Amino acid sequence: MIRNEYTPDEVSPPGESLADLLEERGMSQAELAQKTGYSEKSILEIIQGRAPITPEIAVKLEMVLEIPARFWNARQAQYQESIEKKQQTHR
């Protein structure tokens, strides 16, 4: 076990960060979909945590929102790691 490392009980899906950012900027999901070239359904699935932010999507988000792709990739990786750790502890 790793010591001196903070591990939160829950990690929110990266789509929550995306939703917060859109709200902060006054941008709709439809507008983001149009600017990224993805469907509104795809954007909604990411926001709801039902679809991951892939490296390709992260780059598109960087181009549109000017938030580095590495941020989105890291959020996705942290979320997936959290889910895996939770599954491992419940086996």
N, C-alpha and C. Protein backbone atom coordinates (compact mmCIF):
# COMPACT_ATOMS: atom_id res chain seq x y z
N MET A 1 0.84 -1.18 0.00
CA MET A 1 0.00 0.00 0.00
C MET A 1 0.88 1.24 0.00
N ILE A 2 0.50 2.22 -0.78
CA ILE A 2 1.23 3.48 -0.86
C ILE A 2 0.83 4.36 0.32
N ARG A 3 1.82 4.91 0.98
CA ARG A 3 1.55 5.77 2.14
C ARG A 3 1.74 7.22 1.75
N ASN A 4 1.15 8.08 2.56
CA ASN A 4 1.26 9.52 2.35
C ASN A 4 0.73 9.97 1.00
N GLU A 5 -0.28 9.30 0.54
CA GLU A 5 -0.92 9.69 -0.71
C GLU A 5 -2.40 9.84 -0.45
N TYR A 6 -2.92 11.00 -0.80
CA TYR A 6 -4.35 11.24 -0.61
C TYR A 6 -5.13 10.55 -1.71
N THR A 7 -6.10 9.77 -1.31
CA THR A 7 -6.98 9.11 -2.26
C THR A 7 -8.41 9.40 -1.84
N PRO A 8 -9.11 10.23 -2.61
CA PRO A 8 -10.49 10.55 -2.24
C PRO A 8 -11.39 9.32 -2.36
N ASP A 9 -12.45 9.32 -1.58
CA ASP A 9 -13.41 8.22 -1.62
C ASP A 9 -14.14 8.17 -2.95
N GLU A 10 -14.42 9.33 -3.50
CA GLU A 10 -15.15 9.43 -4.75
C GLU A 10 -14.42 10.38 -5.69
N VAL A 11 -14.37 10.03 -6.95
CA VAL A 11 -13.82 10.91 -7.97
C VAL A 11 -14.90 11.09 -9.01
N SER A 12 -15.19 12.33 -9.32
CA SER A 12 -16.25 12.60 -10.28
C SER A 12 -15.76 12.37 -11.70
N PRO A 13 -16.67 12.01 -12.59
CA PRO A 13 -16.28 11.82 -13.98
C PRO A 13 -15.80 13.15 -14.57
N PRO A 14 -14.88 13.11 -15.52
CA PRO A 14 -14.36 14.34 -16.09
C PRO A 14 -15.43 15.18 -16.78
N GLY A 15 -16.52 14.53 -17.15
CA GLY A 15 -17.64 15.27 -17.76
C GLY A 15 -18.21 16.32 -16.82
N GLU A 16 -18.10 16.11 -15.52
CA GLU A 16 -18.58 17.11 -14.56
C GLU A 16 -17.74 18.38 -14.66
N SER A 17 -16.44 18.21 -14.82
CA SER A 17 -15.57 19.38 -15.01
C SER A 17 -15.94 20.11 -16.29
N LEU A 18 -16.23 19.35 -17.32
CA LEU A 18 -16.62 19.93 -18.60
C LEU A 18 -17.94 20.69 -18.46
N ALA A 19 -18.90 20.11 -17.78
CA ALA A 19 -20.19 20.78 -17.58
C ALA A 19 -20.01 22.08 -16.79
N ASP A 20 -19.21 22.03 -15.74
CA ASP A 20 -18.95 23.24 -14.95
C ASP A 20 -18.31 24.32 -15.79
N LEU A 21 -17.35 23.93 -16.62
CA LEU A 21 -16.65 24.89 -17.47
C LEU A 21 -17.61 25.51 -18.49
N LEU A 22 -18.46 24.70 -19.08
CA LEU A 22 -19.42 25.23 -20.05
C LEU A 22 -20.36 26.24 -19.38
N GLU A 23 -20.83 25.89 -18.20
CA GLU A 23 -21.71 26.80 -17.46
C GLU A 23 -21.00 28.11 -17.14
N GLU A 24 -19.76 27.99 -16.69
CA GLU A 24 -18.95 29.16 -16.35
C GLU A 24 -18.79 30.09 -17.56
N ARG A 25 -18.64 29.50 -18.71
CA ARG A 25 -18.40 30.28 -19.93
C ARG A 25 -19.68 30.65 -20.68
N GLY A 26 -20.81 30.15 -20.20
CA GLY A 26 -22.06 30.44 -20.87
C GLY A 26 -22.17 29.76 -22.23
N MET A 27 -21.54 28.61 -22.37
CA MET A 27 -21.56 27.87 -23.63
C MET A 27 -22.48 26.67 -23.48
N SER A 28 -23.32 26.46 -24.45
CA SER A 28 -24.23 25.31 -24.40
C SER A 28 -23.53 24.05 -24.90
N GLN A 29 -24.12 22.92 -24.56
CA GLN A 29 -23.60 21.65 -25.05
C GLN A 29 -23.72 21.59 -26.57
N ALA A 30 -24.79 22.16 -27.10
CA ALA A 30 -24.98 22.19 -28.56
C ALA A 30 -23.88 23.01 -29.23
N GLU A 31 -23.51 24.12 -28.63
CA GLU A 31 -22.45 24.96 -29.18
C GLU A 31 -21.11 24.22 -29.14
N LEU A 32 -20.84 23.54 -28.04
CA LEU A 32 -19.61 22.77 -27.94
C LEU A 32 -19.60 21.66 -28.99
N ALA A 33 -20.72 20.99 -29.16
CA ALA A 33 -20.82 19.93 -30.16
C ALA A 33 -20.51 20.49 -31.55
N GLN A 34 -21.08 21.62 -31.87
CA GLN A 34 -20.85 22.23 -33.18
C GLN A 34 -19.37 22.58 -33.36
N LYS A 35 -18.77 23.18 -32.35
CA LYS A 35 -17.38 23.62 -32.46
C LYS A 35 -16.38 22.48 -32.49
N THR A 36 -16.72 21.35 -31.87
CA THR A 36 -15.81 20.20 -31.85
C THR A 36 -16.07 19.22 -32.99
N GLY A 37 -17.25 19.32 -33.58
CA GLY A 37 -17.60 18.37 -34.64
C GLY A 37 -18.18 17.07 -34.13
N TYR A 38 -18.48 17.01 -32.84
CA TYR A 38 -19.11 15.83 -32.26
C TYR A 38 -20.60 16.07 -32.13
N SER A 39 -21.36 15.01 -32.03
CA SER A 39 -22.81 15.15 -31.90
C SER A 39 -23.16 15.64 -30.49
N GLU A 40 -24.33 16.23 -30.39
CA GLU A 40 -24.81 16.66 -29.07
C GLU A 40 -24.96 15.46 -28.15
N LYS A 41 -25.35 14.32 -28.72
CA LYS A 41 -25.49 13.10 -27.92
C LYS A 41 -24.14 12.68 -27.34
N SER A 42 -23.08 12.77 -28.14
CA SER A 42 -21.74 12.40 -27.66
C SER A 42 -21.30 13.31 -26.52
N ILE A 43 -21.54 14.61 -26.67
CA ILE A 43 -21.18 15.57 -25.62
C ILE A 43 -21.98 15.27 -24.36
N LEU A 44 -23.27 15.00 -24.50
CA LEU A 44 -24.11 14.68 -23.34
C LEU A 44 -23.62 13.42 -22.64
N GLU A 45 -23.24 12.41 -23.40
CA GLU A 45 -22.75 11.16 -22.79
C GLU A 45 -21.46 11.39 -22.02
N ILE A 46 -20.59 12.25 -22.53
CA ILE A 46 -19.36 12.59 -21.80
C ILE A 46 -19.71 13.32 -20.51
N ILE A 47 -20.58 14.29 -20.61
CA ILE A 47 -20.96 15.07 -19.42
C ILE A 47 -21.62 14.20 -18.37
N GLN A 48 -22.41 13.24 -18.80
CA GLN A 48 -23.08 12.35 -17.85
C GLN A 48 -22.18 11.22 -17.35
N GLY A 49 -20.95 11.16 -17.86
CA GLY A 49 -20.03 10.12 -17.40
C GLY A 49 -20.26 8.77 -18.03
N ARG A 50 -21.05 8.71 -19.08
CA ARG A 50 -21.33 7.44 -19.75
C ARG A 50 -20.35 7.16 -20.88
N ALA A 51 -19.60 8.18 -21.30
CA ALA A 51 -18.58 8.01 -22.34
C ALA A 51 -17.31 8.69 -21.87
N PRO A 52 -16.16 8.10 -22.19
CA PRO A 52 -14.88 8.68 -21.75
C PRO A 52 -14.44 9.85 -22.64
N ILE A 53 -13.56 10.65 -22.10
CA ILE A 53 -12.88 11.66 -22.90
C ILE A 53 -11.65 10.96 -23.47
N THR A 54 -11.69 10.69 -24.75
CA THR A 54 -10.57 10.03 -25.42
C THR A 54 -9.49 11.07 -25.72
N PRO A 55 -8.28 10.63 -26.04
CA PRO A 55 -7.24 11.59 -26.42
C PRO A 55 -7.66 12.48 -27.59
N GLU A 56 -8.38 11.91 -28.54
CA GLU A 56 -8.87 12.70 -29.68
C GLU A 56 -9.81 13.80 -29.22
N ILE A 57 -10.75 13.45 -28.36
CA ILE A 57 -11.69 14.44 -27.84
C ILE A 57 -10.96 15.49 -27.01
N ALA A 58 -9.97 15.04 -26.22
CA ALA A 58 -9.20 15.97 -25.39
C ALA A 58 -8.54 17.05 -26.25
N VAL A 59 -8.01 16.64 -27.40
CA VAL A 59 -7.37 17.61 -28.30
C VAL A 59 -8.40 18.58 -28.86
N LYS A 60 -9.57 18.09 -29.21
CA LYS A 60 -10.64 18.97 -29.71
C LYS A 60 -11.07 19.95 -28.62
N LEU A 61 -11.18 19.46 -27.39
CA LEU A 61 -11.56 20.33 -26.28
C LEU A 61 -10.50 21.41 -26.07
N GLU A 62 -9.24 21.04 -26.21
CA GLU A 62 -8.15 22.01 -26.08
C GLU A 62 -8.30 23.11 -27.14
N MET A 63 -8.59 22.71 -28.36
CA MET A 63 -8.71 23.67 -29.45
C MET A 63 -9.88 24.63 -29.23
N VAL A 64 -10.96 24.13 -28.69
CA VAL A 64 -12.16 24.95 -28.51
C VAL A 64 -12.13 25.73 -27.19
N LEU A 65 -11.74 25.06 -26.12
CA LEU A 65 -11.85 25.66 -24.78
C LEU A 65 -10.54 26.25 -24.25
N GLU A 66 -9.45 25.96 -24.97
CA GLU A 66 -8.13 26.44 -24.56
C GLU A 66 -7.71 25.93 -23.18
N ILE A 67 -8.14 24.71 -22.88
CA ILE A 67 -7.72 23.98 -21.68
C ILE A 67 -6.87 22.83 -22.21
N PRO A 68 -5.61 22.68 -21.78
CA PRO A 68 -4.73 21.68 -22.37
C PRO A 68 -5.33 20.26 -22.40
N ALA A 69 -5.06 19.57 -23.49
CA ALA A 69 -5.52 18.19 -23.64
C ALA A 69 -5.01 17.34 -22.48
N ARG A 70 -3.82 17.63 -21.99
CA ARG A 70 -3.26 16.83 -20.88
C ARG A 70 -4.14 16.92 -19.63
N PHE A 71 -4.83 18.05 -19.44
CA PHE A 71 -5.76 18.18 -18.31
C PHE A 71 -6.89 17.17 -18.46
N TRP A 72 -7.51 17.14 -19.65
CA TRP A 72 -8.64 16.23 -19.88
C TRP A 72 -8.19 14.77 -19.82
N ASN A 73 -7.02 14.49 -20.39
CA ASN A 73 -6.50 13.12 -20.34
C ASN A 73 -6.21 12.69 -18.90
N ALA A 74 -5.66 13.60 -18.12
CA ALA A 74 -5.36 13.29 -16.71
C ALA A 74 -6.64 13.08 -15.91
N ARG A 75 -7.65 13.92 -16.16
CA ARG A 75 -8.94 13.76 -15.45
C ARG A 75 -9.54 12.39 -15.77
N GLN A 76 -9.48 12.00 -17.04
CA GLN A 76 -10.04 10.71 -17.44
C GLN A 76 -9.26 9.58 -16.80
N ALA A 77 -7.94 9.67 -16.81
CA ALA A 77 -7.11 8.62 -16.21
C ALA A 77 -7.36 8.49 -14.71
N GLN A 78 -7.47 9.62 -14.02
CA GLN A 78 -7.74 9.59 -12.58
C GLN A 78 -9.08 8.93 -12.29
N TYR A 79 -10.06 9.27 -13.11
CA TYR A 79 -11.39 8.70 -12.93
C TYR A 79 -11.37 7.20 -13.16
N GLN A 80 -10.74 6.76 -14.23
CA GLN A 80 -10.68 5.32 -14.52
C GLN A 80 -9.90 4.57 -13.44
N GLU A 81 -8.82 5.16 -12.95
CA GLU A 81 -8.05 4.54 -11.88
C GLU A 81 -8.89 4.40 -10.62
N SER A 82 -9.65 5.43 -10.31
CA SER A 82 -10.51 5.41 -9.14
C SER A 82 -11.55 4.29 -9.23
N ILE A 83 -12.13 4.15 -10.41
CA ILE A 83 -13.13 3.10 -10.62
C ILE A 83 -12.49 1.72 -10.44
N GLU A 84 -11.31 1.55 -11.02
CA GLU A 84 -10.62 0.25 -10.92
C GLU A 84 -10.26 -0.08 -9.47
N LYS A 85 -9.76 0.91 -8.74
CA LYS A 85 -9.41 0.67 -7.33
C LYS A 85 -10.65 0.29 -6.53
N LYS A 86 -11.74 0.95 -6.81
CA LYS A 86 -12.99 0.65 -6.10
C LYS A 86 -13.44 -0.78 -6.41
N GLN A 87 -13.34 -1.17 -7.67
CA GLN A 87 -13.71 -2.53 -8.05
C GLN A 87 -12.82 -3.57 -7.40
N GLN A 88 -11.52 -3.27 -7.32
CA GLN A 88 -10.56 -4.21 -6.71
C GLN A 88 -10.83 -4.40 -5.22
N THR A 89 -11.23 -3.34 -4.54
CA THR A 89 -11.47 -3.44 -3.10
C THR A 89 -12.79 -4.13 -2.79
N HIS A 90 -13.66 -4.23 -3.76
CA HIS A 90 -14.96 -4.88 -3.55
C HIS A 90 -14.99 -6.31 -4.05
N ARG A 91 -13.83 -6.87 -4.38
CA ARG A 91 -13.79 -8.26 -4.85
C ARG A 91 -13.55 -9.19 -3.72
